[in-house]
Structure formats: C-alpha cells, structure tokens
Amino acid sequence: MGLLAGLVGLAVAFSVPLCPFALVTGQPCPGCGLTRATLALLRGDLAASLHFHPLAMVITPLVGGVVAYDVAVYLRSGKGAASQTLQGRWVTVGAIVLGALTFAVWVARFFGWFGGPVPV
C-alpha cells in the first residue's frame, strides 16, 4: 500500500496524468476536473468548482450520500457493500441521465462551453 501511495505521490509531483484516458489520448476524459471541482466545492469556492466541472455540485453530494449510507449500514449491521441495496428503476434511470449529462458537458467543453476543456 505504501508503495502505491509513493508512486501516486511521484506522479502528482511530476504532473503525470493519473487518468488512463488522459494518459492514452492526451485529452481530458468526461470526468476530468471532478476531483478538483469537489475539492474547490469543499473549500467553498463555487466559481472554481464550476470551472473545473459544472456537474460537481450534483455528483459530489450523490457520491457523498452513497458513501455515508454505506458507512451507516456497515456500522449498524457489520456487512459491507451496502450500496448494492440501492437498486431499482430510479437508480438506473438516474445513473443513465447523469452519465449522459457528463458526456454532454465533456463534448460541449471541446466547443468552448463551460470554459473549454480542463487541463489534464
């Protein structure tokens, strides 16, 4: 585990993209900027968050909610993978819609919308 953390640290220190899509193509992937946008959102910097990825204000609370749900179920029952119980048509439709929106934002950024593509 320490070796992996060290390699990631070196990659970050030397500005090597960690995204496999960016490594292969040299272009940002549909999710590029989400981590930076989430960190900016957690700092309260809404403008920076919107610049890095406009969907972070939707995706971050959703992922945070699923993680919180997983932790709560694990602490209550001692069983992992609680988010597998989050199933159903609304979850599937929501995931498809969110995926389509993420893809649409990615394409739109190549045409200069939402500030253009984020740096890799």
N, C-alpha and C. Protein backbone atom coordinates (compact mmCIF):
# COMPACT_ATOMS: atom_id res chain seq x y z
N MET A 1 0.83 -1.19 0.00
CA MET A 1 0.00 0.00 0.00
C MET A 1 0.87 1.25 0.00
N GLY A 2 1.94 1.24 0.80
CA GLY A 2 2.85 2.38 0.86
C GLY A 2 3.53 2.63 -0.47
N LEU A 3 3.86 1.54 -1.19
CA LEU A 3 4.50 1.68 -2.50
C LEU A 3 3.56 2.37 -3.48
N LEU A 4 2.28 1.96 -3.46
CA LEU A 4 1.30 2.57 -4.34
C LEU A 4 1.13 4.06 -4.03
N ALA A 5 1.06 4.39 -2.74
CA ALA A 5 0.93 5.79 -2.33
C ALA A 5 2.15 6.59 -2.78
N GLY A 6 3.33 5.99 -2.69
CA GLY A 6 4.55 6.66 -3.13
C GLY A 6 4.55 6.91 -4.63
N LEU A 7 4.09 5.92 -5.40
CA LEU A 7 4.04 6.08 -6.85
C LEU A 7 3.04 7.17 -7.25
N VAL A 8 1.89 7.19 -6.58
CA VAL A 8 0.90 8.23 -6.87
C VAL A 8 1.47 9.60 -6.50
N GLY A 9 2.16 9.67 -5.37
CA GLY A 9 2.79 10.93 -4.96
C GLY A 9 3.80 11.41 -5.98
N LEU A 10 4.62 10.50 -6.51
CA LEU A 10 5.59 10.88 -7.54
C LEU A 10 4.89 11.34 -8.82
N ALA A 11 3.83 10.65 -9.20
CA ALA A 11 3.08 11.04 -10.40
C ALA A 11 2.51 12.44 -10.24
N VAL A 12 1.96 12.73 -9.07
CA VAL A 12 1.41 14.07 -8.82
C VAL A 12 2.53 15.11 -8.81
N ALA A 13 3.66 14.78 -8.17
CA ALA A 13 4.78 15.72 -8.08
C ALA A 13 5.34 16.07 -9.45
N PHE A 14 5.33 15.11 -10.38
CA PHE A 14 5.88 15.36 -11.71
C PHE A 14 4.80 15.63 -12.75
N SER A 15 3.58 15.92 -12.28
CA SER A 15 2.44 16.28 -13.14
C SER A 15 2.13 15.23 -14.19
N VAL A 16 2.27 13.97 -13.84
CA VAL A 16 1.89 12.87 -14.73
C VAL A 16 0.39 12.65 -14.56
N PRO A 17 -0.39 12.67 -15.65
CA PRO A 17 -1.83 12.47 -15.51
C PRO A 17 -2.12 11.08 -14.93
N LEU A 18 -3.04 11.01 -13.98
CA LEU A 18 -3.40 9.74 -13.37
C LEU A 18 -4.58 9.08 -14.07
N CYS A 19 -5.24 9.80 -14.92
CA CYS A 19 -6.40 9.29 -15.66
C CYS A 19 -5.91 8.44 -16.83
N PRO A 20 -6.34 7.17 -16.91
CA PRO A 20 -5.90 6.32 -18.03
C PRO A 20 -6.28 6.90 -19.39
N PHE A 21 -7.46 7.50 -19.51
CA PHE A 21 -7.89 8.10 -20.76
C PHE A 21 -6.93 9.22 -21.17
N ALA A 22 -6.58 10.07 -20.21
CA ALA A 22 -5.67 11.19 -20.49
C ALA A 22 -4.27 10.68 -20.82
N LEU A 23 -3.85 9.61 -20.15
CA LEU A 23 -2.52 9.04 -20.44
C LEU A 23 -2.44 8.55 -21.88
N VAL A 24 -3.51 7.91 -22.35
CA VAL A 24 -3.51 7.33 -23.70
C VAL A 24 -3.75 8.38 -24.78
N THR A 25 -4.70 9.29 -24.54
CA THR A 25 -5.10 10.23 -25.60
C THR A 25 -4.51 11.62 -25.46
N GLY A 26 -4.08 11.98 -24.26
CA GLY A 26 -3.61 13.35 -24.03
C GLY A 26 -4.74 14.34 -23.90
N GLN A 27 -5.98 13.86 -23.88
CA GLN A 27 -7.17 14.70 -23.76
C GLN A 27 -7.87 14.40 -22.44
N PRO A 28 -8.63 15.36 -21.92
CA PRO A 28 -9.37 15.10 -20.68
C PRO A 28 -10.52 14.11 -20.93
N CYS A 29 -10.81 13.29 -19.94
CA CYS A 29 -11.93 12.36 -20.03
C CYS A 29 -13.21 13.08 -19.58
N PRO A 30 -14.38 12.46 -19.72
CA PRO A 30 -15.61 13.11 -19.28
C PRO A 30 -15.62 13.50 -17.80
N GLY A 31 -14.89 12.78 -16.98
CA GLY A 31 -14.86 13.08 -15.55
C GLY A 31 -13.70 13.94 -15.13
N CYS A 32 -12.82 14.30 -16.06
CA CYS A 32 -11.66 15.12 -15.70
C CYS A 32 -12.13 16.44 -15.08
N GLY A 33 -11.53 16.78 -13.98
CA GLY A 33 -11.87 18.00 -13.27
C GLY A 33 -12.79 17.77 -12.09
N LEU A 34 -13.40 16.57 -11.99
CA LEU A 34 -14.33 16.33 -10.90
C LEU A 34 -13.66 16.35 -9.53
N THR A 35 -12.48 15.78 -9.42
CA THR A 35 -11.79 15.79 -8.13
C THR A 35 -11.43 17.21 -7.74
N ARG A 36 -10.86 17.96 -8.66
CA ARG A 36 -10.51 19.36 -8.37
C ARG A 36 -11.75 20.18 -8.07
N ALA A 37 -12.86 19.91 -8.80
CA ALA A 37 -14.11 20.63 -8.56
C ALA A 37 -14.67 20.30 -7.18
N THR A 38 -14.58 19.04 -6.78
CA THR A 38 -15.07 18.64 -5.46
C THR A 38 -14.25 19.29 -4.36
N LEU A 39 -12.93 19.31 -4.52
CA LEU A 39 -12.08 19.96 -3.52
C LEU A 39 -12.38 21.45 -3.42
N ALA A 40 -12.61 22.09 -4.57
CA ALA A 40 -12.96 23.52 -4.56
C ALA A 40 -14.32 23.72 -3.89
N LEU A 41 -15.25 22.83 -4.15
CA LEU A 41 -16.57 22.91 -3.53
C LEU A 41 -16.47 22.75 -2.02
N LEU A 42 -15.63 21.83 -1.57
CA LEU A 42 -15.45 21.63 -0.13
C LEU A 42 -14.77 22.82 0.53
N ARG A 43 -13.96 23.57 -0.24
CA ARG A 43 -13.34 24.80 0.29
C ARG A 43 -14.31 25.97 0.25
N GLY A 44 -15.45 25.79 -0.42
CA GLY A 44 -16.43 26.86 -0.54
C GLY A 44 -16.21 27.75 -1.75
N ASP A 45 -15.32 27.35 -2.66
CA ASP A 45 -15.02 28.14 -3.85
C ASP A 45 -15.91 27.67 -5.01
N LEU A 46 -17.11 28.19 -5.05
CA LEU A 46 -18.10 27.77 -6.04
C LEU A 46 -17.66 28.08 -7.47
N ALA A 47 -17.06 29.24 -7.69
CA ALA A 47 -16.62 29.61 -9.04
C ALA A 47 -15.58 28.64 -9.57
N ALA A 48 -14.60 28.30 -8.74
CA ALA A 48 -13.57 27.35 -9.18
C ALA A 48 -14.18 25.98 -9.42
N SER A 49 -15.11 25.58 -8.57
CA SER A 49 -15.76 24.28 -8.74
C SER A 49 -16.50 24.22 -10.08
N LEU A 50 -17.24 25.25 -10.39
CA LEU A 50 -17.96 25.29 -11.67
C LEU A 50 -17.00 25.31 -12.85
N HIS A 51 -15.85 25.94 -12.68
CA HIS A 51 -14.86 25.98 -13.76
C HIS A 51 -14.28 24.58 -14.02
N PHE A 52 -13.95 23.85 -12.95
CA PHE A 52 -13.35 22.54 -13.13
C PHE A 52 -14.34 21.52 -13.67
N HIS A 53 -15.56 21.51 -13.16
CA HIS A 53 -16.60 20.61 -13.69
C HIS A 53 -17.96 21.09 -13.20
N PRO A 54 -18.85 21.51 -14.11
CA PRO A 54 -20.12 22.08 -13.71
C PRO A 54 -21.07 21.09 -13.04
N LEU A 55 -20.84 19.80 -13.17
CA LEU A 55 -21.73 18.82 -12.55
C LEU A 55 -21.27 18.39 -11.16
N ALA A 56 -20.18 18.94 -10.67
CA ALA A 56 -19.67 18.55 -9.35
C ALA A 56 -20.68 18.84 -8.26
N MET A 57 -21.48 19.90 -8.41
CA MET A 57 -22.46 20.23 -7.38
C MET A 57 -23.58 19.19 -7.31
N VAL A 58 -23.74 18.38 -8.34
CA VAL A 58 -24.72 17.30 -8.33
C VAL A 58 -24.05 15.98 -7.94
N ILE A 59 -22.90 15.70 -8.57
CA ILE A 59 -22.23 14.41 -8.38
C ILE A 59 -21.65 14.27 -6.98
N THR A 60 -21.04 15.32 -6.44
CA THR A 60 -20.40 15.25 -5.12
C THR A 60 -21.39 14.88 -4.02
N PRO A 61 -22.55 15.55 -3.91
CA PRO A 61 -23.49 15.14 -2.87
C PRO A 61 -24.04 13.73 -3.07
N LEU A 62 -24.24 13.33 -4.32
CA LEU A 62 -24.74 11.97 -4.58
C LEU A 62 -23.74 10.92 -4.12
N VAL A 63 -22.49 11.09 -4.51
CA VAL A 63 -21.46 10.13 -4.10
C VAL A 63 -21.27 10.18 -2.58
N GLY A 64 -21.27 11.38 -2.03
CA GLY A 64 -21.15 11.51 -0.58
C GLY A 64 -22.30 10.83 0.15
N GLY A 65 -23.50 10.94 -0.39
CA GLY A 65 -24.66 10.29 0.20
C GLY A 65 -24.56 8.78 0.16
N VAL A 66 -24.09 8.24 -0.96
CA VAL A 66 -23.92 6.78 -1.07
C VAL A 66 -22.86 6.30 -0.10
N VAL A 67 -21.76 7.02 0.01
CA VAL A 67 -20.70 6.64 0.96
C VAL A 67 -21.22 6.71 2.39
N ALA A 68 -21.94 7.77 2.73
CA ALA A 68 -22.50 7.89 4.08
C ALA A 68 -23.48 6.76 4.37
N TYR A 69 -24.29 6.40 3.39
CA TYR A 69 -25.23 5.30 3.54
C TYR A 69 -24.48 3.99 3.78
N ASP A 70 -23.44 3.74 2.98
CA ASP A 70 -22.61 2.54 3.15
C ASP A 70 -22.02 2.47 4.55
N VAL A 71 -21.48 3.57 5.02
CA VAL A 71 -20.86 3.60 6.35
C VAL A 71 -21.91 3.34 7.42
N ALA A 72 -23.07 3.98 7.31
CA ALA A 72 -24.12 3.81 8.31
C ALA A 72 -24.60 2.36 8.36
N VAL A 73 -24.82 1.74 7.20
CA VAL A 73 -25.27 0.34 7.16
C VAL A 73 -24.19 -0.58 7.70
N TYR A 74 -22.94 -0.30 7.36
CA TYR A 74 -21.84 -1.14 7.86
C TYR A 74 -21.73 -1.05 9.38
N LEU A 75 -21.83 0.15 9.91
CA LEU A 75 -21.73 0.32 11.35
C LEU A 75 -22.90 -0.34 12.08
N ARG A 76 -24.08 -0.32 11.45
CA ARG A 76 -25.26 -0.90 12.06
C ARG A 76 -25.27 -2.42 11.97
N SER A 77 -24.87 -2.97 10.80
CA SER A 77 -25.01 -4.41 10.59
C SER A 77 -23.70 -5.17 10.52
N GLY A 78 -22.59 -4.46 10.28
CA GLY A 78 -21.31 -5.13 10.14
C GLY A 78 -21.09 -5.73 8.77
N LYS A 79 -22.01 -5.48 7.85
CA LYS A 79 -21.89 -6.02 6.50
C LYS A 79 -21.48 -4.90 5.54
N GLY A 80 -20.59 -5.23 4.62
CA GLY A 80 -20.13 -4.25 3.64
C GLY A 80 -21.01 -4.24 2.40
N ALA A 81 -20.63 -3.44 1.43
CA ALA A 81 -21.32 -3.32 0.14
C ALA A 81 -22.79 -2.98 0.30
N ALA A 82 -23.09 -2.06 1.22
CA ALA A 82 -24.47 -1.67 1.48
C ALA A 82 -25.10 -0.99 0.27
N SER A 83 -24.29 -0.30 -0.54
CA SER A 83 -24.87 0.44 -1.66
C SER A 83 -25.47 -0.50 -2.70
N GLN A 84 -25.18 -1.81 -2.60
CA GLN A 84 -25.82 -2.74 -3.52
C GLN A 84 -27.32 -2.79 -3.28
N THR A 85 -27.76 -2.36 -2.11
CA THR A 85 -29.20 -2.32 -1.84
C THR A 85 -29.84 -1.12 -2.51
N LEU A 86 -29.05 -0.18 -2.97
CA LEU A 86 -29.59 0.97 -3.69
C LEU A 86 -29.81 0.57 -5.15
N GLN A 87 -30.88 -0.14 -5.38
CA GLN A 87 -31.20 -0.63 -6.71
C GLN A 87 -32.60 -0.22 -7.07
N GLY A 88 -32.92 -0.36 -8.32
CA GLY A 88 -34.26 -0.05 -8.77
C GLY A 88 -34.23 0.80 -10.01
N ARG A 89 -35.39 0.99 -10.56
CA ARG A 89 -35.52 1.74 -11.81
C ARG A 89 -35.02 3.16 -11.66
N TRP A 90 -35.34 3.84 -10.56
CA TRP A 90 -34.96 5.24 -10.39
C TRP A 90 -33.45 5.38 -10.30
N VAL A 91 -32.77 4.40 -9.70
CA VAL A 91 -31.31 4.46 -9.62
C VAL A 91 -30.70 4.27 -11.00
N THR A 92 -31.24 3.32 -11.75
CA THR A 92 -30.74 3.06 -13.11
C THR A 92 -30.97 4.27 -14.01
N VAL A 93 -32.18 4.79 -13.99
CA VAL A 93 -32.51 5.95 -14.83
C VAL A 93 -31.65 7.15 -14.42
N GLY A 94 -31.50 7.36 -13.12
CA GLY A 94 -30.67 8.46 -12.63
C GLY A 94 -29.22 8.34 -13.08
N ALA A 95 -28.68 7.13 -13.02
CA ALA A 95 -27.30 6.90 -13.44
C ALA A 95 -27.14 7.14 -14.94
N ILE A 96 -28.12 6.72 -15.72
CA ILE A 96 -28.05 6.92 -17.18
C ILE A 96 -28.13 8.41 -17.50
N VAL A 97 -29.04 9.12 -16.84
CA VAL A 97 -29.19 10.57 -17.08
C VAL A 97 -27.90 11.30 -16.68
N LEU A 98 -27.36 10.96 -15.51
CA LEU A 98 -26.14 11.61 -15.05
C LEU A 98 -24.96 11.30 -15.98
N GLY A 99 -24.88 10.07 -16.46
CA GLY A 99 -23.84 9.71 -17.42
C GLY A 99 -23.98 10.47 -18.73
N ALA A 100 -25.22 10.60 -19.20
CA ALA A 100 -25.46 11.35 -20.45
C ALA A 100 -25.12 12.82 -20.27
N LEU A 101 -25.48 13.39 -19.12
CA LEU A 101 -25.13 14.79 -18.86
C LEU A 101 -23.62 14.99 -18.79
N THR A 102 -22.93 14.06 -18.14
CA THR A 102 -21.47 14.15 -18.04
C THR A 102 -20.85 14.10 -19.43
N PHE A 103 -21.34 13.19 -20.27
CA PHE A 103 -20.84 13.09 -21.64
C PHE A 103 -21.15 14.37 -22.42
N ALA A 104 -22.36 14.91 -22.25
CA ALA A 104 -22.74 16.14 -22.97
C ALA A 104 -21.86 17.32 -22.55
N VAL A 105 -21.57 17.44 -21.25
CA VAL A 105 -20.68 18.51 -20.78
C VAL A 105 -19.29 18.33 -21.38
N TRP A 106 -18.81 17.10 -21.43
CA TRP A 106 -17.49 16.80 -21.98
C TRP A 106 -17.41 17.25 -23.45
N VAL A 107 -18.41 16.89 -24.24
CA VAL A 107 -18.43 17.28 -25.66
C VAL A 107 -18.54 18.80 -25.79
N ALA A 108 -19.42 19.40 -25.00
CA ALA A 108 -19.63 20.85 -25.08
C ALA A 108 -18.35 21.62 -24.75
N ARG A 109 -17.54 21.08 -23.84
CA ARG A 109 -16.31 21.77 -23.47
C ARG A 109 -15.32 21.82 -24.64
N PHE A 110 -15.35 20.83 -25.50
CA PHE A 110 -14.47 20.87 -26.67
C PHE A 110 -14.88 21.96 -27.65
N PHE A 111 -16.12 22.44 -27.53
CA PHE A 111 -16.60 23.55 -28.36
C PHE A 111 -16.52 24.88 -27.62
N GLY A 112 -15.82 24.89 -26.48
CA GLY A 112 -15.58 26.12 -25.75
C GLY A 112 -16.58 26.44 -24.65
N TRP A 113 -17.63 25.65 -24.50
CA TRP A 113 -18.61 25.89 -23.45
C TRP A 113 -18.05 25.50 -22.10
N PHE A 114 -18.58 26.06 -21.05
CA PHE A 114 -18.16 25.77 -19.67
C PHE A 114 -16.67 26.02 -19.47
N GLY A 115 -16.11 26.96 -20.20
CA GLY A 115 -14.69 27.30 -20.04
C GLY A 115 -13.74 26.48 -20.86
N GLY A 116 -14.24 25.62 -21.73
CA GLY A 116 -13.38 24.77 -22.55
C GLY A 116 -12.87 23.58 -21.76
N PRO A 117 -12.07 22.72 -22.40
CA PRO A 117 -11.56 21.54 -21.72
C PRO A 117 -10.66 21.91 -20.53
N VAL A 118 -10.77 21.13 -19.46
CA VAL A 118 -9.91 21.36 -18.31
C VAL A 118 -8.53 20.83 -18.62
N PRO A 119 -7.49 21.45 -18.06
CA PRO A 119 -6.15 20.92 -18.29
C PRO A 119 -6.00 19.54 -17.70
N VAL A 120 -5.30 18.69 -18.40
CA VAL A 120 -5.07 17.31 -17.94
C VAL A 120 -3.95 17.31 -16.92
